[in-house]
Amino acid sequence: MAEGRVVLPLTLRVRDLAVSLGFRAGGVKSSHCPGSASRYLTLTCPRGHDWLVRISNHRRPERTRQPAPHIDFVSLDGQAGTLQLADLLTRICDGQVAWRPLKAGGRR
């Protein structure tokens, strides 16, 4: 599993990639859970929809009060999955992925 210290640089790489594809990026927020290295990033697509992206080195807890993010990117080694994420972000920019509002927290 990737150490927590790799999550922030990974988040910044995701943000930079998204901006290069045409998203506007909001600030990076940290998880409120003690011991979690997870980061949250809001990306606004060219159509004006906000996409909440969670970037972490561990899976999201089954039960949480927080709404499930639009994209839950877990990279256990800090690198795996980045090509798939880039493809997903490209498809979002191209309008190939339907946006949906966030659901309330709780079980996924």
PDB file of N, CA and C in Angstrom:
ATOM      1  N   MET A   1       0.847  -1.184   0.000  1.00  0.00           N
ATOM      2  CA  MET A   1       0.000   0.000   0.000  1.00  0.00           C
ATOM      3  C   MET A   1       0.889   1.242   0.000  1.00  0.00           C
ATOM      4  N   ALA A   2       0.484   2.216  -0.750  1.00  0.00           N
ATOM      5  CA  ALA A   2       1.250   3.465  -0.813  1.00  0.00           C
ATOM      6  C   ALA A   2       1.195   4.158   0.538  1.00  0.00           C
ATOM      7  N   GLU A   3       2.307   4.733   0.914  1.00  0.00           N
ATOM      8  CA  GLU A   3       2.326   5.492   2.153  1.00  0.00           C
ATOM      9  C   GLU A   3       1.525   6.769   1.971  1.00  0.00           C
ATOM     10  N   GLY A   4       1.035   7.298   3.069  1.00  0.00           N
ATOM     11  CA  GLY A   4       0.219   8.499   3.026  1.00  0.00           C
ATOM     12  C   GLY A   4       0.902   9.678   2.374  1.00  0.00           C
ATOM     13  N   ARG A   5       2.227   9.732   2.463  1.00  0.00           N
ATOM     14  CA  ARG A   5       2.943  10.889   1.921  1.00  0.00           C
ATOM     15  C   ARG A   5       2.901  10.954   0.403  1.00  0.00           C
ATOM     16  N   VAL A   6       2.508   9.874  -0.271  1.00  0.00           N
ATOM     17  CA  VAL A   6       2.427   9.913  -1.739  1.00  0.00           C
ATOM     18  C   VAL A   6       1.057  10.387  -2.227  1.00  0.00           C
ATOM     19  N   VAL A   7       0.079  10.467  -1.331  1.00  0.00           N
ATOM     20  CA  VAL A   7      -1.282  10.814  -1.751  1.00  0.00           C
ATOM     21  C   VAL A   7      -1.366  12.278  -2.196  1.00  0.00           C
ATOM     22  N   LEU A   8      -0.760  13.190  -1.469  1.00  0.00           N
ATOM     23  CA  LEU A   8      -0.822  14.597  -1.869  1.00  0.00           C
ATOM     24  C   LEU A   8      -0.149  14.834  -3.227  1.00  0.00           C
ATOM     25  N   PRO A   9       1.081  14.335  -3.464  1.00  0.00           N
ATOM     26  CA  PRO A   9       1.655  14.522  -4.807  1.00  0.00           C
ATOM     27  C   PRO A   9       0.805  13.886  -5.903  1.00  0.00           C
ATOM     28  N   LEU A  10       0.199  12.738  -5.618  1.00  0.00           N
ATOM     29  CA  LEU A  10      -0.694  12.103  -6.590  1.00  0.00           C
ATOM     30  C   LEU A  10      -1.901  12.995  -6.852  1.00  0.00           C
ATOM     31  N   THR A  11      -2.441  13.589  -5.810  1.00  0.00           N
ATOM     32  CA  THR A  11      -3.579  14.501  -5.949  1.00  0.00           C
ATOM     33  C   THR A  11      -3.216  15.693  -6.824  1.00  0.00           C
ATOM     34  N   LEU A  12      -2.035  16.230  -6.613  1.00  0.00           N
ATOM     35  CA  LEU A  12      -1.605  17.378  -7.415  1.00  0.00           C
ATOM     36  C   LEU A  12      -1.396  16.992  -8.874  1.00  0.00           C
ATOM     37  N   ARG A  13      -0.916  15.765  -9.121  1.00  0.00           N
ATOM     38  CA  ARG A  13      -0.784  15.296 -10.510  1.00  0.00           C
ATOM     39  C   ARG A  13      -2.155  15.135 -11.155  1.00  0.00           C
ATOM     40  N   VAL A  14      -3.114  14.605 -10.404  1.00  0.00           N
ATOM     41  CA  VAL A  14      -4.481  14.462 -10.927  1.00  0.00           C
ATOM     42  C   VAL A  14      -5.060  15.840 -11.235  1.00  0.00           C
ATOM     43  N   ARG A  15      -4.864  16.787 -10.325  1.00  0.00           N
ATOM     44  CA  ARG A  15      -5.361  18.149 -10.556  1.00  0.00           C
ATOM     45  C   ARG A  15      -4.758  18.751 -11.822  1.00  0.00           C
ATOM     46  N   ASP A  16      -3.456  18.620 -11.973  1.00  0.00           N
ATOM     47  CA  ASP A  16      -2.782  19.182 -13.147  1.00  0.00           C
ATOM     48  C   ASP A  16      -3.268  18.522 -14.430  1.00  0.00           C
ATOM     49  N   LEU A  17      -3.461  17.217 -14.398  1.00  0.00           N
ATOM     50  CA  LEU A  17      -3.986  16.504 -15.558  1.00  0.00           C
ATOM     51  C   LEU A  17      -5.373  17.017 -15.911  1.00  0.00           C
ATOM     52  N   ALA A  18      -6.229  17.142 -14.901  1.00  0.00           N
ATOM     53  CA  ALA A  18      -7.598  17.606 -15.132  1.00  0.00           C
ATOM     54  C   ALA A  18      -7.615  19.005 -15.736  1.00  0.00           C
ATOM     55  N   VAL A  19      -6.787  19.889 -15.221  1.00  0.00           N
ATOM     56  CA  VAL A  19      -6.720  21.254 -15.747  1.00  0.00           C
ATOM     57  C   VAL A  19      -6.259  21.227 -17.204  1.00  0.00           C
ATOM     58  N   SER A  20      -5.295  20.368 -17.523  1.00  0.00           N
ATOM     59  CA  SER A  20      -4.815  20.285 -18.910  1.00  0.00           C
ATOM     60  C   SER A  20      -5.907  19.769 -19.856  1.00  0.00           C
ATOM     61  N   LEU A  21      -6.881  19.044 -19.312  1.00  0.00           N
ATOM     62  CA  LEU A  21      -7.984  18.527 -20.129  1.00  0.00           C
ATOM     63  C   LEU A  21      -9.138  19.516 -20.258  1.00  0.00           C
ATOM     64  N   GLY A  22      -9.131  20.587 -19.456  1.00  0.00           N
ATOM     65  CA  GLY A  22     -10.176  21.590 -19.555  1.00  0.00           C
ATOM     66  C   GLY A  22     -11.025  21.770 -18.311  1.00  0.00           C
ATOM     67  N   PHE A  23     -10.735  21.028 -17.234  1.00  0.00           N
ATOM     68  CA  PHE A  23     -11.441  21.215 -15.971  1.00  0.00           C
ATOM     69  C   PHE A  23     -10.909  22.464 -15.270  1.00  0.00           C
ATOM     70  N   ARG A  24     -11.742  23.059 -14.418  1.00  0.00           N
ATOM     71  CA  ARG A  24     -11.285  24.048 -13.441  1.00  0.00           C
ATOM     72  C   ARG A  24     -11.149  23.283 -12.123  1.00  0.00           C
ATOM     73  N   ALA A  25     -10.088  23.551 -11.401  1.00  0.00           N
ATOM     74  CA  ALA A  25      -9.842  22.821 -10.163  1.00  0.00           C
ATOM     75  C   ALA A  25     -10.032  23.716  -8.954  1.00  0.00           C
ATOM     76  N   GLY A  26     -10.728  23.182  -7.961  1.00  0.00           N
ATOM     77  CA  GLY A  26     -10.858  23.860  -6.676  1.00  0.00           C
ATOM     78  C   GLY A  26      -9.683  23.460  -5.790  1.00  0.00           C
ATOM     79  N   GLY A  27      -9.742  23.862  -4.555  1.00  0.00           N
ATOM     80  CA  GLY A  27      -8.669  23.538  -3.617  1.00  0.00           C
ATOM     81  C   GLY A  27      -8.675  22.075  -3.217  1.00  0.00           C
ATOM     82  N   VAL A  28      -7.559  21.638  -2.696  1.00  0.00           N
ATOM     83  CA  VAL A  28      -7.405  20.277  -2.194  1.00  0.00           C
ATOM     84  C   VAL A  28      -7.772  20.284  -0.718  1.00  0.00           C
ATOM     85  N   LYS A  29      -8.633  19.353  -0.331  1.00  0.00           N
ATOM     86  CA  LYS A  29      -9.031  19.242   1.077  1.00  0.00           C
ATOM     87  C   LYS A  29      -8.588  17.892   1.620  1.00  0.00           C
ATOM     88  N   SER A  30      -8.250  17.864   2.895  1.00  0.00           N
ATOM     89  CA  SER A  30      -7.825  16.637   3.562  1.00  0.00           C
ATOM     90  C   SER A  30      -9.014  15.956   4.223  1.00  0.00           C
ATOM     91  N   SER A  31      -8.896  14.658   4.379  1.00  0.00           N
ATOM     92  CA  SER A  31      -9.901  13.894   5.104  1.00  0.00           C
ATOM     93  C   SER A  31      -9.940  14.351   6.558  1.00  0.00           C
ATOM     94  N   HIS A  32     -11.119  14.281   7.152  1.00  0.00           N
ATOM     95  CA  HIS A  32     -11.261  14.615   8.570  1.00  0.00           C
ATOM     96  C   HIS A  32     -11.030  13.403   9.466  1.00  0.00           C
ATOM     97  N   CYS A  33     -10.901  12.221   8.867  1.00  0.00           N
ATOM     98  CA  CYS A  33     -10.705  10.994   9.638  1.00  0.00           C
ATOM     99  C   CYS A  33      -9.259  10.905  10.121  1.00  0.00           C
ATOM    100  N   PRO A  34      -9.062  10.688  11.409  1.00  0.00           N
ATOM    101  CA  PRO A  34      -7.691  10.575  11.932  1.00  0.00           C
ATOM    102  C   PRO A  34      -6.949   9.434  11.241  1.00  0.00           C
ATOM    103  N   GLY A  35      -5.720   9.692  10.841  1.00  0.00           N
ATOM    104  CA  GLY A  35      -4.895   8.659  10.229  1.00  0.00           C
ATOM    105  C   GLY A  35      -5.102   8.463   8.742  1.00  0.00           C
ATOM    106  N   SER A  36      -6.108   9.113   8.167  1.00  0.00           N
ATOM    107  CA  SER A  36      -6.375   8.958   6.737  1.00  0.00           C
ATOM    108  C   SER A  36      -5.576   9.979   5.939  1.00  0.00           C
ATOM    109  N   ALA A  37      -4.955   9.518   4.863  1.00  0.00           N
ATOM    110  CA  ALA A  37      -4.208  10.416   3.977  1.00  0.00           C
ATOM    111  C   ALA A  37      -5.073  10.884   2.813  1.00  0.00           C
ATOM    112  N   SER A  38      -6.329  10.502   2.785  1.00  0.00           N
ATOM    113  CA  SER A  38      -7.207  10.828   1.656  1.00  0.00           C
ATOM    114  C   SER A  38      -7.296  12.319   1.426  1.00  0.00           C
ATOM    115  N   ARG A  39      -7.390  12.671   0.154  1.00  0.00           N
ATOM    116  CA  ARG A  39      -7.565  14.057  -0.253  1.00  0.00           C
ATOM    117  C   ARG A  39      -8.804  14.145  -1.129  1.00  0.00           C
ATOM    118  N   TYR A  40      -9.432  15.315  -1.104  1.00  0.00           N
ATOM    119  CA  TYR A  40     -10.626  15.570  -1.899  1.00  0.00           C
ATOM    120  C   TYR A  40     -10.376  16.773  -2.781  1.00  0.00           C
ATOM    121  N   LEU A  41     -10.810  16.650  -4.022  1.00  0.00           N
ATOM    122  CA  LEU A  41     -10.586  17.675  -5.022  1.00  0.00           C
ATOM    123  C   LEU A  41     -11.889  17.864  -5.785  1.00  0.00           C
ATOM    124  N   THR A  42     -12.317  19.111  -5.924  1.00  0.00           N
ATOM    125  CA  THR A  42     -13.498  19.403  -6.734  1.00  0.00           C
ATOM    126  C   THR A  42     -13.031  19.895  -8.092  1.00  0.00           C
ATOM    127  N   LEU A  43     -13.486  19.195  -9.127  1.00  0.00           N
ATOM    128  CA  LEU A  43     -13.161  19.554 -10.506  1.00  0.00           C
ATOM    129  C   LEU A  43     -14.441  19.983 -11.205  1.00  0.00           C
ATOM    130  N   THR A  44     -14.409  21.117 -11.879  1.00  0.00           N
ATOM    131  CA  THR A  44     -15.565  21.600 -12.631  1.00  0.00           C
ATOM    132  C   THR A  44     -15.305  21.338 -14.107  1.00  0.00           C
ATOM    133  N   CYS A  45     -16.185  20.534 -14.710  1.00  0.00           N
ATOM    134  CA  CYS A  45     -16.014  20.164 -16.115  1.00  0.00           C
ATOM    135  C   CYS A  45     -16.438  21.325 -17.017  1.00  0.00           C
ATOM    136  N   PRO A  46     -16.099  21.251 -18.304  1.00  0.00           N
ATOM    137  CA  PRO A  46     -16.471  22.327 -19.227  1.00  0.00           C
ATOM    138  C   PRO A  46     -17.974  22.609 -19.294  1.00  0.00           C
ATOM    139  N   ARG A  47     -18.809  21.642 -18.887  1.00  0.00           N
ATOM    140  CA  ARG A  47     -20.259  21.837 -18.888  1.00  0.00           C
ATOM    141  C   ARG A  47     -20.758  22.500 -17.604  1.00  0.00           C
ATOM    142  N   GLY A  48     -19.825  22.794 -16.682  1.00  0.00           N
ATOM    143  CA  GLY A  48     -20.182  23.501 -15.457  1.00  0.00           C
ATOM    144  C   GLY A  48     -20.574  22.625 -14.286  1.00  0.00           C
ATOM    145  N   HIS A  49     -20.414  21.303 -14.412  1.00  0.00           N
ATOM    146  CA  HIS A  49     -20.751  20.391 -13.313  1.00  0.00           C
ATOM    147  C   HIS A  49     -19.544  20.184 -12.412  1.00  0.00           C
ATOM    148  N   ASP A  50     -19.789  20.197 -11.113  1.00  0.00           N
ATOM    149  CA  ASP A  50     -18.733  19.921 -10.137  1.00  0.00           C
ATOM    150  C   ASP A  50     -18.655  18.419  -9.887  1.00  0.00           C
ATOM    151  N   TRP A  51     -17.462  17.880  -9.990  1.00  0.00           N
ATOM    152  CA  TRP A  51     -17.181  16.464  -9.750  1.00  0.00           C
ATOM    153  C   TRP A  51     -16.292  16.383  -8.520  1.00  0.00           C
ATOM    154  N   LEU A  52     -16.769  15.697  -7.478  1.00  0.00           N
ATOM    155  CA  LEU A  52     -15.963  15.495  -6.278  1.00  0.00           C
ATOM    156  C   LEU A  52     -15.114  14.242  -6.481  1.00  0.00           C
ATOM    157  N   VAL A  53     -13.804  14.415  -6.337  1.00  0.00           N
ATOM    158  CA  VAL A  53     -12.869  13.313  -6.537  1.00  0.00           C
ATOM    159  C   VAL A  53     -12.159  13.030  -5.213  1.00  0.00           C
ATOM    160  N   ARG A  54     -12.213  11.773  -4.794  1.00  0.00           N
ATOM    161  CA  ARG A  54     -11.462  11.334  -3.611  1.00  0.00           C
ATOM    162  C   ARG A  54     -10.230  10.603  -4.123  1.00  0.00           C
ATOM    163  N   ILE A  55      -9.073  10.956  -3.593  1.00  0.00           N
ATOM    164  CA  ILE A  55      -7.819  10.321  -3.970  1.00  0.00           C
ATOM    165  C   ILE A  55      -7.209   9.774  -2.693  1.00  0.00           C
ATOM    166  N   SER A  56      -6.926   8.470  -2.705  1.00  0.00           N
ATOM    167  CA  SER A  56      -6.481   7.854  -1.464  1.00  0.00           C
ATOM    168  C   SER A  56      -5.608   6.641  -1.727  1.00  0.00           C
ATOM    169  N   ASN A  57      -5.042   6.125  -0.644  1.00  0.00           N
ATOM    170  CA  ASN A  57      -4.281   4.892  -0.695  1.00  0.00           C
ATOM    171  C   ASN A  57      -5.019   3.763   0.024  1.00  0.00           C
ATOM    172  N   HIS A  58      -6.295   3.986   0.308  1.00  0.00           N
ATOM    173  CA  HIS A  58      -7.112   2.951   0.948  1.00  0.00           C
ATOM    174  C   HIS A  58      -8.570   3.117   0.524  1.00  0.00           C
ATOM    175  N   ARG A  59      -9.293   2.039   0.617  1.00  0.00           N
ATOM    176  CA  ARG A  59     -10.708   2.078   0.245  1.00  0.00           C
ATOM    177  C   ARG A  59     -11.494   2.925   1.237  1.00  0.00           C
ATOM    178  N   ARG A  60     -12.599   3.434   0.750  1.00  0.00           N
ATOM    179  CA  ARG A  60     -13.482   4.265   1.571  1.00  0.00           C
ATOM    180  C   ARG A  60     -14.230   3.368   2.559  1.00  0.00           C
ATOM    181  N   PRO A  61     -14.392   3.791   3.809  1.00  0.00           N
ATOM    182  CA  PRO A  61     -15.153   2.977   4.760  1.00  0.00           C
ATOM    183  C   PRO A  61     -16.576   2.710   4.265  1.00  0.00           C
ATOM    184  N   GLU A  62     -17.091   1.558   4.588  1.00  0.00           N
ATOM    185  CA  GLU A  62     -18.448   1.199   4.142  1.00  0.00           C
ATOM    186  C   GLU A  62     -19.494   2.152   4.706  1.00  0.00           C
ATOM    187  N   ARG A  63     -19.297   2.545   5.933  1.00  0.00           N
ATOM    188  CA  ARG A  63     -20.259   3.453   6.567  1.00  0.00           C
ATOM    189  C   ARG A  63     -19.556   4.768   6.899  1.00  0.00           C
ATOM    190  N   THR A  64     -20.135   5.828   6.377  1.00  0.00           N
ATOM    191  CA  THR A  64     -19.589   7.162   6.645  1.00  0.00           C
ATOM    192  C   THR A  64     -20.716   8.166   6.484  1.00  0.00           C
ATOM    193  N   ARG A  65     -20.593   9.278   7.163  1.00  0.00           N
ATOM    194  CA  ARG A  65     -21.622  10.320   7.041  1.00  0.00           C
ATOM    195  C   ARG A  65     -21.398  11.179   5.805  1.00  0.00           C
ATOM    196  N   GLN A  66     -20.217  11.072   5.221  1.00  0.00           N
ATOM    197  CA  GLN A  66     -19.890  11.893   4.055  1.00  0.00           C
ATOM    198  C   GLN A  66     -20.536  11.317   2.792  1.00  0.00           C
ATOM    199  N   PRO A  67     -20.942  12.182   1.871  1.00  0.00           N
ATOM    200  CA  PRO A  67     -21.492  11.661   0.616  1.00  0.00           C
ATOM    201  C   PRO A  67     -20.416  10.936  -0.182  1.00  0.00           C
ATOM    202  N   ALA A  68     -20.830   9.927  -0.915  1.00  0.00           N
ATOM    203  CA  ALA A  68     -19.888   9.216  -1.780  1.00  0.00           C
ATOM    204  C   ALA A  68     -19.427  10.168  -2.879  1.00  0.00           C
ATOM    205  N   PRO A  69     -18.133  10.197  -3.175  1.00  0.00           N
ATOM    206  CA  PRO A  69     -17.646  11.096  -4.218  1.00  0.00           C
ATOM    207  C   PRO A  69     -18.076  10.607  -5.601  1.00  0.00           C
ATOM    208  N   HIS A  70     -18.032  11.502  -6.580  1.00  0.00           N
ATOM    209  CA  HIS A  70     -18.308  11.097  -7.951  1.00  0.00           C
ATOM    210  C   HIS A  70     -17.257  10.099  -8.431  1.00  0.00           C
ATOM    211  N   ILE A  71     -15.996  10.365  -8.081  1.00  0.00           N
ATOM    212  CA  ILE A  71     -14.884   9.502  -8.469  1.00  0.00           C
ATOM    213  C   ILE A  71     -14.111   9.160  -7.201  1.00  0.00           C
ATOM    214  N   ASP A  72     -13.970   7.875  -6.932  1.00  0.00           N
ATOM    215  CA  ASP A  72     -13.218   7.408  -5.771  1.00  0.00           C
ATOM    216  C   ASP A  72     -11.969   6.712  -6.297  1.00  0.00           C
ATOM    217  N   PHE A  73     -10.883   7.454  -6.400  1.00  0.00           N
ATOM    218  CA  PHE A  73      -9.653   6.944  -6.981  1.00  0.00           C
ATOM    219  C   PHE A  73      -8.748   6.430  -5.877  1.00  0.00           C
ATOM    220  N   VAL A  74      -8.560   5.117  -5.836  1.00  0.00           N
ATOM    221  CA  VAL A  74      -7.690   4.482  -4.853  1.00  0.00           C
ATOM    222  C   VAL A  74      -6.507   3.888  -5.595  1.00  0.00           C
ATOM    223  N   SER A  75      -5.331   4.342  -5.257  1.00  0.00           N
ATOM    224  CA  SER A  75      -4.109   3.793  -5.831  1.00  0.00           C
ATOM    225  C   SER A  75      -3.295   3.218  -4.692  1.00  0.00           C
ATOM    226  N   LEU A  76      -3.247   1.903  -4.624  1.00  0.00           N
ATOM    227  CA  LEU A  76      -2.562   1.260  -3.509  1.00  0.00           C
ATOM    228  C   LEU A  76      -1.054   1.446  -3.567  1.00  0.00           C
ATOM    229  N   ASP A  77      -0.519   1.704  -4.765  1.00  0.00           N
ATOM    230  CA  ASP A  77       0.921   1.893  -4.880  1.00  0.00           C
ATOM    231  C   ASP A  77       1.308   3.317  -5.275  1.00  0.00           C
ATOM    232  N   GLY A  78       0.327   4.218  -5.359  1.00  0.00           N
ATOM    233  CA  GLY A  78       0.611   5.605  -5.711  1.00  0.00           C
ATOM    234  C   GLY A  78       0.740   5.858  -7.202  1.00  0.00           C
ATOM    235  N   GLN A  79       0.587   4.822  -8.026  1.00  0.00           N
ATOM    236  CA  GLN A  79       0.732   4.979  -9.465  1.00  0.00           C
ATOM    237  C   GLN A  79      -0.370   4.239 -10.238  1.00  0.00           C
ATOM    238  N   ALA A  80      -0.689   3.042  -9.792  1.00  0.00           N
ATOM    239  CA  ALA A  80      -1.650   2.204 -10.517  1.00  0.00           C
ATOM    240  C   ALA A  80      -2.989   2.923 -10.673  1.00  0.00           C
ATOM    241  N   GLY A  81      -3.549   2.790 -11.854  1.00  0.00           N
ATOM    242  CA  GLY A  81      -4.864   3.349 -12.117  1.00  0.00           C
ATOM    243  C   GLY A  81      -4.857   4.739 -12.714  1.00  0.00           C
ATOM    244  N   THR A  82      -3.684   5.364 -12.820  1.00  0.00           N
ATOM    245  CA  THR A  82      -3.664   6.740 -13.321  1.00  0.00           C
ATOM    246  C   THR A  82      -4.067   6.822 -14.791  1.00  0.00           C
ATOM    247  N   LEU A  83      -3.726   5.826 -15.583  1.00  0.00           N
ATOM    248  CA  LEU A  83      -4.137   5.840 -16.995  1.00  0.00           C
ATOM    249  C   LEU A  83      -5.653   5.708 -17.124  1.00  0.00           C
ATOM    250  N   GLN A  84      -6.247   4.851 -16.295  1.00  0.00           N
ATOM    251  CA  GLN A  84      -7.700   4.694 -16.310  1.00  0.00           C
ATOM    252  C   GLN A  84      -8.390   5.977 -15.852  1.00  0.00           C
ATOM    253  N   LEU A  85      -7.815   6.628 -14.854  1.00  0.00           N
ATOM    254  CA  LEU A  85      -8.393   7.889 -14.393  1.00  0.00           C
ATOM    255  C   LEU A  85      -8.294   8.951 -15.485  1.00  0.00           C
ATOM    256  N   ALA A  86      -7.158   9.009 -16.164  1.00  0.00           N
ATOM    257  CA  ALA A  86      -6.995   9.970 -17.258  1.00  0.00           C
ATOM    258  C   ALA A  86      -8.036   9.724 -18.342  1.00  0.00           C
ATOM    259  N   ASP A  87      -8.285   8.460 -18.647  1.00  0.00           N
ATOM    260  CA  ASP A  87      -9.308   8.115 -19.640  1.00  0.00           C
ATOM    261  C   ASP A  87     -10.691   8.559 -19.174  1.00  0.00           C
ATOM    262  N   LEU A  88     -11.009   8.320 -17.911  1.00  0.00           N
ATOM    263  CA  LEU A  88     -12.305   8.731 -17.376  1.00  0.00           C
ATOM    264  C   LEU A  88     -12.462  10.243 -17.432  1.00  0.00           C
ATOM    265  N   LEU A  89     -11.440  10.979 -17.022  1.00  0.00           N
ATOM    266  CA  LEU A  89     -11.523  12.447 -17.058  1.00  0.00           C
ATOM    267  C   LEU A  89     -11.694  12.948 -18.491  1.00  0.00           C
ATOM    268  N   THR A  90     -11.037  12.311 -19.437  1.00  0.00           N
ATOM    269  CA  THR A  90     -11.192  12.689 -20.851  1.00  0.00           C
ATOM    270  C   THR A  90     -12.623  12.445 -21.308  1.00  0.00           C
ATOM    271  N   ARG A  91     -13.181  11.305 -20.931  1.00  0.00           N
ATOM    272  CA  ARG A  91     -14.569  11.005 -21.322  1.00  0.00           C
ATOM    273  C   ARG A  91     -15.556  11.969 -20.669  1.00  0.00           C
ATOM    274  N   ILE A  92     -15.277  12.400 -19.436  1.00  0.00           N
ATOM    275  CA  ILE A  92     -16.136  13.393 -18.779  1.00  0.00           C
ATOM    276  C   ILE A  92     -16.094  14.701 -19.559  1.00  0.00           C
ATOM    277  N   CYS A  93     -14.891  15.141 -19.918  1.00  0.00           N
ATOM    278  CA  CYS A  93     -14.758  16.397 -20.690  1.00  0.00           C
ATOM    279  C   CYS A  93     -15.463  16.313 -22.035  1.00  0.00           C
ATOM    280  N   ASP A  94     -15.462  15.133 -22.629  1.00  0.00           N
ATOM    281  CA  ASP A  94     -16.111  14.941 -23.927  1.00  0.00           C
ATOM    282  C   ASP A  94     -17.621  14.746 -23.811  1.00  0.00           C
ATOM    283  N   GLY A  95     -18.149  14.774 -22.591  1.00  0.00           N
ATOM    284  CA  GLY A  95     -19.590  14.621 -22.385  1.00  0.00           C
ATOM    285  C   GLY A  95     -20.074  13.191 -22.486  1.00  0.00           C
ATOM    286  N   GLN A  96     -19.178  12.224 -22.389  1.00  0.00           N
ATOM    287  CA  GLN A  96     -19.544  10.815 -22.514  1.00  0.00           C
ATOM    288  C   GLN A  96     -19.947  10.169 -21.195  1.00  0.00           C
ATOM    289  N   VAL A  97     -19.782  10.896 -20.098  1.00  0.00           N
ATOM    290  CA  VAL A  97     -20.143  10.383 -18.776  1.00  0.00           C
ATOM    291  C   VAL A  97     -21.177  11.326 -18.186  1.00  0.00           C
ATOM    292  N   ALA A  98     -22.312  10.777 -17.802  1.00  0.00           N
ATOM    293  CA  ALA A  98     -23.392  11.597 -17.245  1.00  0.00           C
ATOM    294  C   ALA A  98     -23.064  12.011 -15.820  1.00  0.00           C
ATOM    295  N   TRP A  99     -23.258  13.301 -15.526  1.00  0.00           N
ATOM    296  CA  TRP A  99     -23.069  13.810 -14.178  1.00  0.00           C
ATOM    297  C   TRP A  99     -24.301  13.468 -13.352  1.00  0.00           C
ATOM    298  N   ARG A 100     -24.112  13.286 -12.071  1.00  0.00           N
ATOM    299  CA  ARG A 100     -25.225  13.053 -11.144  1.00  0.00           C
ATOM    300  C   ARG A 100     -24.935  13.788  -9.844  1.00  0.00           C
ATOM    301  N   PRO A 101     -25.986  14.204  -9.150  1.00  0.00           N
ATOM    302  CA  PRO A 101     -25.739  14.863  -7.859  1.00  0.00           C
ATOM    303  C   PRO A 101     -25.212  13.839  -6.846  1.00  0.00           C
ATOM    304  N   LEU A 102     -24.502  14.330  -5.854  1.00  0.00           N
ATOM    305  CA  LEU A 102     -24.002  13.444  -4.798  1.00  0.00           C
ATOM    306  C   LEU A 102     -25.149  12.919  -3.969  1.00  0.00           C
ATOM    307  N   LYS A 103     -25.032  11.678  -3.541  1.00  0.00           N
ATOM    308  CA  LYS A 103     -26.018  11.086  -2.633  1.00  0.00           C
ATOM    309  C   LYS A 103     -25.556  11.311  -1.207  1.00  0.00           C
ATOM    310  N   ALA A 104     -26.496  11.277  -0.285  1.00  0.00           N
ATOM    311  CA  ALA A 104     -26.170  11.451   1.118  1.00  0.00           C
ATOM    312  C   ALA A 104     -25.235  10.320   1.569  1.00  0.00           C
ATOM    313  N   GLY A 105     -24.543  10.558   2.674  1.00  0.00           N
ATOM    314  CA  GLY A 105     -23.603   9.565   3.197  1.00  0.00           C
ATOM    315  C   GLY A 105     -24.288   8.284   3.601  1.00  0.00           C
ATOM    316  N   GLY A 106     -23.503   7.376   4.119  1.00  0.00           N
ATOM    317  CA  GLY A 106     -24.012   6.072   4.509  1.00  0.00           C
ATOM    318  C   GLY A 106     -23.403   4.993   3.646  1.00  0.00           C
ATOM    319  N   ARG A 107     -24.039   3.867   3.641  1.00  0.00           N
ATOM    320  CA  ARG A 107     -23.522   2.723   2.887  1.00  0.00           C
ATOM    321  C   ARG A 107     -23.482   3.043   1.398  1.00  0.00           C
ATOM    322  N   ARG A 108     -22.402   2.627   0.739  1.00  0.00           N
ATOM    323  CA  ARG A 108     -22.240   2.874  -0.700  1.00  0.00           C
ATOM    324  C   ARG A 108     -23.206   2.052  -1.508  1.00  0.00           C
TER     325      ARG A 108
END
